[in-house]
Amino acid sequence: MSEFPAREPKGAAPTGQYLSPRPHPRGDEGATREGGASRAPGGERENTATETTARSAEKFRVTRSRRNVTWTGLGALVVVVVLALFPFLVGAGVWTIMGQAFLVLTMASMWNLLAGYAGLVSVGQQAFVGLGAYFVLILAINGLSPFTALPIAVIGSGVAALPLWWLVSRLRSGYFAIATWVLAATVMRIIEKFSSIGGGTGMPLPGVSGYDPTLLTAYTYWAGLAVTVVALAAIYLLLRGRLGLVLTAVRDDEVAARSSGARVGLARMLVFVVAGAGCGAAGAVLAISQLQVQPSAVFSVQWTAVMAFATIIGGLGTIEGPIIGTAVYMVLQQTLASYNAWYLIILGLVAIFVALFARRGLWGLVDEHLHVRLFPVGYWLRTGQREGQRGAVLSGLRSEGASDRATREDSA
C-alpha cells in the first residue's frame, strides 16, 4: 500500500517533516541524496533538512587569531621601548646599523603591501625614496629643519603618487613593473635638470651642521624608529579593515572581486598612495642619515631590489615576513659585505633557495608548523566550545576534514 503525505490540521504550523509519497527507485540512499527523507533505525523516516538545520544552528565564533593577542601587543610595546632606549644602552655603531635596518624594514613593508596584498609588483618604488629625500632637501634649503620637514615630505610623496598612479593604473603584471621602473628613471632625470637643488651631482643637506654628531645620530635613529613603527601600525590597521578583505580578494581573483562589488580601482590607488608615502618617509630619513642628497644614490634601483629580497625571504603577504627578511638581510650584509662580489652571489643563492624550498618564506614555515601570527589580519571560524578545548575550525578556502584539529583560512 502506498504511503501518502500526512495531512496537517487546518491552520496548524507545518512540522518541517514529511513522508515520501512512494519509495525511491534507488532506495533510502537515493532519497537522501535528492533531499528526501532518510530511514531512521526504528523504521520511521526523518527529514535530512531538519538535521541540516539543527547542524547549522550550532554556534560559531569568528576571531582574528586563535590566541589572545593582548600579550603580543604588550610584547610589541616593550620591544619598541627597548629599541627607543638603545642610544643610552649601546654604542653609536649599533645605532647606525639599526637605522639602516629601520629603513629597509619600512621600504620592504611598503613593497609587501603592494605586491603581497594588492598584487602590484613594482620595480620603481625608488622613485618615492628619492622624492622623499628631495622634499626634505628643498624644505631645508628654505630654512626648515630636516626633522620638521620629514612629515611634510611624507605628505608630499603621497600626493606625488596620485598622478603617477593615473599613468600606470591600467597596467598589470610585467607591464606594471616595467612602467614603474620607467617612471622612476624619468623622475630622476627631471630632478637632475634643476641646478638649484644640485643637478646631477646633488648637494649637502643644510640645517644639520649645528647638531652635535652623536646627538644627530641619535635623532636620526629615533626618527627611523618612529617611521617604522608608524608604517607597521598603519599597514596593520589598513589590513584589519574592509580594505584588507578587498585587497585579499583582488590579489586572489580580480575578476571575482569586481563581480562581488569590490571597488578594486579605489583600493589599489589607496595602497599605491600609502606605499608611496611610506617609501617617501624612508627616503627622508635616508637623506638626514647621509647628510647629502645625490640622485644616483636615492633613486637607485638597488632600493627596490632590497625591498623585494627582504619581503620574499621573510614571506610575501604577511606583516611578519618583511621583519624576518630584514633581519636576515642585515645579518648577511654585515657578515659578507667585505667579500665584494661573493656578497651578491650569496644573496642570490639564498633568495633562490627560499623560492624553491620555502615558497611562503621563512615566516611561512613558522606559521605552518606553529600557527602563530604576531599581526593577525585574517579570520578564524570555529565552533563554540569551552576554553581549553580545541574547537573545530572551518575554512572557506580549504578543509582538512578532521573535526579535532584547527584549519586556518590563509589570508596571505
Protein backbone atom coordinates (compact mmCIF):
# COMPACT_ATOMS: atom_id res chain seq x y z
CA MET A 1 0.00 0.00 0.00
CA SER A 2 1.43 3.37 -1.00
CA GLU A 3 2.32 5.99 1.57
CA PHE A 4 0.85 9.45 1.29
CA PRO A 5 1.81 12.77 2.92
CA ALA A 6 0.30 13.17 6.35
CA ARG A 7 -2.31 15.91 6.45
CA GLU A 8 -1.79 18.80 8.81
CA PRO A 9 -4.81 20.18 10.74
CA LYS A 10 -6.13 23.32 9.16
CA GLY A 11 -4.35 26.38 10.48
CA ALA A 12 -1.63 24.33 12.13
CA ALA A 13 2.02 25.25 11.57
CA PRO A 14 3.92 22.83 9.34
CA THR A 15 6.11 20.42 11.22
CA GLY A 16 9.02 20.54 8.78
CA GLN A 17 8.86 16.78 8.24
CA TYR A 18 7.06 14.86 5.58
CA LEU A 19 6.70 11.32 4.32
CA SER A 20 7.76 10.40 0.84
CA PRO A 21 4.77 9.60 -1.48
CA ARG A 22 6.45 6.44 -2.72
CA PRO A 23 9.69 4.56 -2.18
CA HIS A 24 12.61 5.95 -4.17
CA PRO A 25 13.73 3.66 -7.03
CA ARG A 26 17.28 3.62 -5.60
CA GLY A 27 16.15 3.12 -2.02
CA ASP A 28 16.83 5.26 1.00
CA GLU A 29 20.27 6.38 -0.20
CA GLY A 30 18.82 7.90 -3.34
CA ALA A 31 16.03 9.57 -1.43
CA THR A 32 18.51 11.10 0.94
CA ARG A 33 20.74 12.29 -1.89
CA GLU A 34 17.89 14.10 -3.60
CA GLY A 35 16.76 15.86 -0.44
CA GLY A 36 14.10 13.38 0.63
CA ALA A 37 13.66 11.55 3.88
CA SER A 38 16.08 9.03 5.32
CA ARG A 39 15.01 5.99 7.28
CA ALA A 40 15.77 6.02 10.97
CA PRO A 41 16.83 2.83 12.78
CA GLY A 42 13.27 2.38 14.05
CA GLY A 43 11.87 2.23 10.54
CA GLU A 44 10.41 5.76 10.52
CA ARG A 45 11.55 8.34 8.06
CA GLU A 46 13.12 11.63 9.13
CA ASN A 47 13.83 14.67 7.02
CA THR A 48 17.51 15.38 6.34
CA ALA A 49 16.70 19.09 6.11
CA THR A 50 15.85 19.02 9.81
CA GLU A 51 19.25 17.55 10.62
CA THR A 52 20.97 20.14 8.42
CA THR A 53 19.04 22.96 10.10
CA ALA A 54 19.99 21.71 13.54
CA ARG A 55 23.61 21.41 12.50
CA SER A 56 23.68 24.90 11.00
CA ALA A 57 22.21 26.28 14.19
CA GLU A 58 25.39 25.31 16.03
CA LYS A 59 27.14 28.34 17.47
CA PHE A 60 30.25 29.57 15.71
CA ARG A 61 32.79 32.15 16.75
CA VAL A 62 34.72 34.38 14.35
CA THR A 63 38.09 35.56 15.66
CA ARG A 64 41.15 37.28 14.28
CA SER A 65 43.56 34.87 15.91
CA ARG A 66 43.49 31.50 17.64
CA ARG A 67 45.32 33.03 20.57
CA ASN A 68 44.80 36.12 22.68
CA VAL A 69 46.81 38.89 21.01
CA THR A 70 46.84 41.13 24.08
CA TRP A 71 50.16 39.73 25.23
CA THR A 72 51.51 40.10 21.72
CA GLY A 73 50.60 43.78 21.74
CA LEU A 74 52.24 44.27 25.11
CA GLY A 75 55.33 42.47 23.88
CA ALA A 76 55.49 44.72 20.82
CA LEU A 77 55.22 47.79 23.06
CA VAL A 78 58.08 46.54 25.22
CA VAL A 79 60.22 45.93 22.12
CA VAL A 80 59.58 49.49 20.89
CA VAL A 81 60.50 50.95 24.29
CA VAL A 82 63.72 48.91 24.43
CA LEU A 83 64.65 49.98 20.90
CA ALA A 84 64.00 53.61 21.83
CA LEU A 85 66.46 53.26 24.71
CA PHE A 86 69.23 51.83 22.52
CA PRO A 87 71.12 55.16 22.24
CA PHE A 88 71.56 55.06 26.02
CA LEU A 89 72.50 51.37 26.15
CA VAL A 90 74.78 50.62 23.19
CA GLY A 91 77.41 52.34 21.10
CA ALA A 92 76.91 54.62 18.11
CA GLY A 93 77.96 51.88 15.69
CA VAL A 94 74.92 49.84 16.62
CA TRP A 95 72.69 52.87 16.07
CA THR A 96 73.89 53.18 12.51
CA ILE A 97 73.20 49.53 11.72
CA MET A 98 69.79 49.65 13.37
CA GLY A 99 68.96 52.84 11.50
CA GLN A 100 69.69 51.07 8.20
CA ALA A 101 67.52 48.17 9.33
CA PHE A 102 64.61 50.54 10.04
CA LEU A 103 64.86 51.99 6.54
CA VAL A 104 64.94 48.55 4.91
CA LEU A 105 62.03 47.33 7.03
CA THR A 106 59.89 50.36 6.18
CA MET A 107 60.54 50.06 2.46
CA ALA A 108 60.08 46.27 2.46
CA SER A 109 56.77 46.58 4.32
CA MET A 110 55.51 49.05 1.72
CA TRP A 111 56.62 46.85 -1.17
CA ASN A 112 54.93 43.91 0.53
CA LEU A 113 51.71 45.92 0.82
CA LEU A 114 51.80 46.47 -2.93
CA ALA A 115 52.93 43.05 -4.14
CA GLY A 116 51.76 40.80 -1.33
CA TYR A 117 48.27 42.20 -0.82
CA ALA A 118 47.33 44.33 -3.85
CA GLY A 119 49.09 42.12 -6.41
CA LEU A 120 51.07 45.09 -7.81
CA VAL A 121 54.72 44.14 -8.35
CA SER A 122 56.56 47.45 -8.57
CA VAL A 123 60.18 47.91 -9.67
CA GLY A 124 60.02 51.67 -9.29
CA GLN A 125 59.48 52.32 -5.59
CA GLN A 126 62.87 54.07 -5.55
CA ALA A 127 61.04 56.98 -7.17
CA PHE A 128 59.31 57.73 -3.86
CA VAL A 129 62.50 57.16 -1.88
CA GLY A 130 64.16 59.84 -3.99
CA LEU A 131 61.16 62.17 -3.83
CA GLY A 132 61.10 61.97 -0.03
CA ALA A 133 64.80 62.80 0.12
CA TYR A 134 64.43 65.78 -2.22
CA PHE A 135 61.38 67.11 -0.42
CA VAL A 136 63.50 67.28 2.75
CA LEU A 137 66.34 68.92 0.82
CA ILE A 138 64.09 71.58 -0.73
CA LEU A 139 62.46 72.42 2.60
CA ALA A 140 65.84 72.54 4.35
CA ILE A 141 67.15 74.95 1.70
CA ASN A 142 64.23 77.22 2.55
CA GLY A 143 65.18 77.27 6.24
CA LEU A 144 63.10 74.43 7.69
CA SER A 145 64.71 71.88 9.97
CA PRO A 146 65.15 68.48 8.25
CA PHE A 147 63.39 66.73 11.12
CA THR A 148 60.45 69.15 10.90
CA ALA A 149 60.39 68.67 7.14
CA LEU A 150 60.07 64.88 7.47
CA PRO A 151 56.25 64.68 7.88
CA ILE A 152 55.80 67.22 5.09
CA ALA A 153 57.95 65.04 2.86
CA VAL A 154 55.71 62.07 3.66
CA ILE A 155 52.61 64.01 2.63
CA GLY A 156 54.34 65.30 -0.50
CA SER A 157 55.35 61.80 -1.56
CA GLY A 158 51.79 60.57 -1.10
CA VAL A 159 50.41 63.43 -3.17
CA ALA A 160 53.00 62.81 -5.90
CA ALA A 161 51.84 59.18 -6.05
CA LEU A 162 48.40 60.23 -7.34
CA PRO A 163 49.43 61.39 -10.85
CA LEU A 164 51.92 58.53 -11.12
CA TRP A 165 49.12 56.08 -10.32
CA TRP A 166 47.00 57.60 -13.06
CA LEU A 167 49.76 56.74 -15.54
CA VAL A 168 50.10 53.08 -14.52
CA SER A 169 46.67 52.21 -13.11
CA ARG A 170 45.55 50.28 -16.20
CA LEU A 171 48.68 48.10 -16.36
CA ARG A 172 49.15 44.70 -14.76
CA SER A 173 51.90 42.16 -14.01
CA GLY A 174 55.09 42.70 -16.01
CA TYR A 175 53.78 45.78 -17.78
CA PHE A 176 53.11 47.46 -14.44
CA ALA A 177 56.58 46.56 -13.16
CA ILE A 178 58.37 47.94 -16.23
CA ALA A 179 56.23 51.08 -16.26
CA THR A 180 57.06 51.89 -12.63
CA TRP A 181 60.75 51.42 -13.39
CA VAL A 182 60.49 53.83 -16.32
CA LEU A 183 58.64 56.37 -14.19
CA ALA A 184 61.35 56.23 -11.52
CA ALA A 185 64.05 56.86 -14.13
CA THR A 186 62.00 59.70 -15.61
CA VAL A 187 61.53 61.40 -12.25
CA MET A 188 65.28 61.20 -11.60
CA ARG A 189 66.07 62.72 -15.00
CA ILE A 190 63.65 65.60 -14.36
CA ILE A 191 65.16 66.38 -10.96
CA GLU A 192 68.68 66.35 -12.40
CA LYS A 193 67.70 69.30 -14.61
CA PHE A 194 67.33 71.65 -11.63
CA SER A 195 70.71 73.09 -10.70
CA SER A 196 69.21 74.87 -7.68
CA ILE A 197 68.98 71.52 -5.88
CA GLY A 198 72.34 70.18 -7.03
CA GLY A 199 71.56 68.94 -10.53
CA GLY A 200 73.09 65.58 -11.35
CA THR A 201 75.70 65.68 -8.57
CA GLY A 202 73.40 66.54 -5.68
CA MET A 203 74.27 68.73 -2.71
CA PRO A 204 74.81 68.54 1.07
CA LEU A 205 71.77 68.74 3.30
CA PRO A 206 71.63 72.14 5.04
CA GLY A 207 70.32 72.67 8.55
CA VAL A 208 72.22 69.86 10.29
CA SER A 209 75.65 71.42 10.76
CA GLY A 210 74.69 72.86 14.14
CA TYR A 211 73.98 69.47 15.71
CA ASP A 212 76.49 67.52 17.74
CA PRO A 213 77.42 64.42 15.67
CA THR A 214 76.43 61.98 18.42
CA LEU A 215 73.17 63.78 19.09
CA LEU A 216 72.41 63.96 15.36
CA THR A 217 72.95 60.21 15.05
CA ALA A 218 70.60 59.60 17.97
CA TYR A 219 67.92 61.88 16.50
CA THR A 220 68.21 60.14 13.15
CA TYR A 221 67.88 56.76 14.88
CA TRP A 222 64.72 57.86 16.70
CA ALA A 223 63.27 59.31 13.51
CA GLY A 224 63.85 56.00 11.71
CA LEU A 225 62.28 54.06 14.59
CA ALA A 226 59.23 56.34 14.62
CA VAL A 227 58.76 55.99 10.86
CA THR A 228 58.99 52.20 11.08
CA VAL A 229 56.51 51.92 13.96
CA VAL A 230 54.01 54.23 12.27
CA ALA A 231 54.39 52.36 8.95
CA LEU A 232 53.77 48.94 10.52
CA ALA A 233 50.84 50.24 12.56
CA ALA A 234 49.26 51.87 9.51
CA ILE A 235 49.60 48.69 7.44
CA TYR A 236 48.15 46.60 10.26
CA LEU A 237 45.12 48.86 10.70
CA LEU A 238 44.50 49.04 6.95
CA LEU A 239 44.59 45.28 6.53
CA ARG A 240 42.31 44.65 9.52
CA GLY A 241 39.57 46.73 7.96
CA ARG A 242 37.42 46.30 4.89
CA LEU A 243 40.33 47.34 2.70
CA GLY A 244 42.25 44.25 3.79
CA LEU A 245 39.42 41.97 2.70
CA VAL A 246 39.14 43.76 -0.65
CA LEU A 247 42.89 43.52 -1.25
CA THR A 248 42.94 39.81 -0.46
CA ALA A 249 40.06 39.22 -2.87
CA VAL A 250 41.73 41.32 -5.58
CA ARG A 251 45.04 39.52 -5.17
CA ASP A 252 43.41 36.10 -5.48
CA ASP A 253 40.98 36.88 -8.31
CA GLU A 254 40.43 40.41 -9.55
CA VAL A 255 37.51 39.48 -11.81
CA ALA A 256 35.68 37.75 -8.97
CA ALA A 257 36.35 40.71 -6.67
CA ARG A 258 34.90 43.14 -9.21
CA SER A 259 31.84 40.96 -9.76
CA SER A 260 31.27 40.92 -6.00
CA GLY A 261 31.03 44.71 -5.94
CA ALA A 262 34.51 45.46 -4.56
CA ARG A 263 35.89 48.85 -5.55
CA VAL A 264 39.13 47.46 -6.91
CA GLY A 265 40.44 50.63 -8.52
CA LEU A 266 39.95 52.74 -5.40
CA ALA A 267 41.55 50.10 -3.15
CA ARG A 268 44.62 49.78 -5.36
CA MET A 269 45.01 53.54 -5.65
CA LEU A 270 44.87 53.90 -1.88
CA VAL A 271 47.52 51.20 -1.44
CA PHE A 272 49.75 52.82 -4.07
CA VAL A 273 49.48 56.19 -2.31
CA VAL A 274 50.20 54.67 1.12
CA ALA A 275 53.20 52.78 -0.24
CA GLY A 276 54.49 55.94 -1.91
CA ALA A 277 54.16 57.91 1.32
CA GLY A 278 55.90 55.18 3.31
CA CYS A 279 58.82 54.96 0.90
CA GLY A 280 58.99 58.76 0.91
CA ALA A 281 59.33 58.69 4.70
CA ALA A 282 62.19 56.22 4.38
CA GLY A 283 63.83 58.46 1.77
CA ALA A 284 63.53 61.47 4.07
CA VAL A 285 65.30 59.63 6.90
CA LEU A 286 67.89 58.40 4.38
CA ALA A 287 68.70 61.99 3.38
CA ILE A 288 69.15 63.00 7.02
CA SER A 289 71.36 60.00 7.79
CA GLN A 290 73.62 60.56 4.76
CA LEU A 291 73.76 64.36 5.25
CA GLN A 292 73.57 64.83 1.48
CA VAL A 293 71.25 64.02 -1.39
CA GLN A 294 72.54 62.59 -4.67
CA PRO A 295 70.18 61.48 -7.45
CA SER A 296 72.15 58.34 -8.26
CA ALA A 297 72.02 57.26 -4.61
CA VAL A 298 68.41 57.98 -3.63
CA PHE A 299 66.91 56.92 -6.98
CA SER A 300 68.95 53.72 -7.24
CA VAL A 301 67.03 50.60 -8.28
CA GLN A 302 69.03 48.80 -5.59
CA TRP A 303 66.46 50.02 -3.05
CA THR A 304 63.68 48.14 -4.80
CA ALA A 305 65.90 45.05 -5.04
CA VAL A 306 66.49 45.19 -1.28
CA MET A 307 62.76 45.61 -0.63
CA ALA A 308 61.91 42.59 -2.78
CA PHE A 309 64.68 40.45 -1.28
CA ALA A 310 63.67 41.12 2.33
CA THR A 311 59.99 40.52 1.56
CA ILE A 312 60.46 37.29 -0.40
CA ILE A 313 62.92 35.85 2.13
CA GLY A 314 60.68 36.64 5.08
CA GLY A 315 57.33 35.83 3.50
CA LEU A 316 55.23 37.63 0.92
CA GLY A 317 51.74 38.62 2.01
CA THR A 318 52.42 38.72 5.76
CA ILE A 319 53.30 41.64 8.00
CA GLU A 320 55.82 39.50 9.85
CA GLY A 321 57.62 38.47 6.65
CA PRO A 322 59.47 41.77 5.99
CA ILE A 323 60.57 41.86 9.63
CA ILE A 324 62.22 38.43 9.38
CA GLY A 325 63.56 39.21 5.92
CA THR A 326 65.10 42.48 7.08
CA ALA A 327 66.86 40.72 9.95
CA VAL A 328 68.29 38.10 7.56
CA TYR A 329 69.36 40.75 5.07
CA MET A 330 71.14 42.88 7.68
CA VAL A 331 72.99 39.85 9.09
CA LEU A 332 74.15 38.83 5.62
CA GLN A 333 75.13 42.38 4.76
CA GLN A 334 77.20 42.92 7.89
CA THR A 335 78.81 39.48 7.59
CA LEU A 336 79.54 39.34 3.86
CA ALA A 337 79.93 42.98 2.83
CA SER A 338 83.73 42.67 2.77
CA TYR A 339 83.61 39.81 0.24
CA ASN A 340 82.61 42.12 -2.62
CA ALA A 341 81.07 40.07 -5.44
CA TRP A 342 80.58 36.99 -3.24
CA TYR A 343 78.21 39.04 -1.11
CA LEU A 344 75.81 39.48 -4.03
CA ILE A 345 76.24 35.86 -5.13
CA ILE A 346 75.32 34.55 -1.69
CA LEU A 347 72.31 36.86 -1.51
CA GLY A 348 71.13 35.47 -4.84
CA LEU A 349 71.63 31.87 -3.72
CA VAL A 350 69.68 32.48 -0.51
CA ALA A 351 66.81 34.01 -2.49
CA ILE A 352 66.77 31.05 -4.92
CA PHE A 353 66.84 28.52 -2.08
CA VAL A 354 63.90 30.16 -0.29
CA ALA A 355 61.93 30.49 -3.53
CA LEU A 356 62.37 26.77 -4.28
CA PHE A 357 62.04 25.16 -0.85
CA ALA A 358 60.10 27.68 1.24
CA ARG A 359 57.57 29.21 -1.10
CA ARG A 360 55.89 31.13 1.71
CA GLY A 361 59.17 32.45 3.11
CA LEU A 362 60.80 31.86 6.47
CA TRP A 363 57.83 33.16 8.41
CA GLY A 364 55.59 30.88 6.38
CA LEU A 365 57.49 27.89 7.79
CA VAL A 366 56.92 29.16 11.33
CA ASP A 367 53.25 29.81 10.69
CA GLU A 368 52.75 26.43 9.04
CA HIS A 369 54.08 24.48 12.00
CA LEU A 370 53.13 26.67 14.96
CA HIS A 371 50.08 28.53 13.56
CA VAL A 372 51.33 31.81 15.04
CA ARG A 373 50.51 35.27 13.77
CA LEU A 374 52.01 38.29 15.53
CA PHE A 375 49.83 40.59 13.42
CA PRO A 376 46.60 38.66 12.78
CA VAL A 377 44.66 40.23 9.92
CA GLY A 378 42.81 37.13 8.70
CA TYR A 379 39.75 35.43 10.18
CA TRP A 380 39.15 32.16 12.01
CA LEU A 381 35.72 30.48 12.08
CA ARG A 382 35.35 27.90 14.83
CA THR A 383 32.65 26.11 16.76
CA GLY A 384 31.90 27.44 20.20
CA GLN A 385 33.47 25.16 22.80
CA ARG A 386 34.81 25.59 26.28
CA GLU A 387 38.07 27.38 26.67
CA GLY A 388 40.90 24.88 26.80
CA GLN A 389 39.30 22.68 24.18
CA ARG A 390 40.44 22.86 20.62
CA GLY A 391 37.35 23.67 18.61
CA ALA A 392 36.81 22.63 15.05
CA VAL A 393 37.78 25.43 12.69
CA LEU A 394 36.06 25.81 9.36
CA SER A 395 37.83 27.42 6.44
CA GLY A 396 36.15 28.91 3.40
CA LEU A 397 39.12 28.08 1.23
CA ARG A 398 40.13 24.59 2.31
CA SER A 399 39.27 21.88 4.83
CA GLU A 400 41.46 19.18 6.25
CA GLY A 401 38.44 17.00 7.09
CA ALA A 402 39.33 16.47 10.75
CA SER A 403 36.97 17.65 13.45
CA ASP A 404 39.58 17.65 16.18
CA ARG A 405 42.21 19.91 14.64
CA ALA A 406 42.09 23.51 13.54
CA THR A 407 42.21 24.63 9.94
CA ARG A 408 43.35 28.16 9.20
CA GLU A 409 41.98 30.31 6.43
CA ASP A 410 45.15 31.67 4.96
CA SER A 411 44.91 35.42 4.40
CA ALA A 412 48.36 35.53 2.76
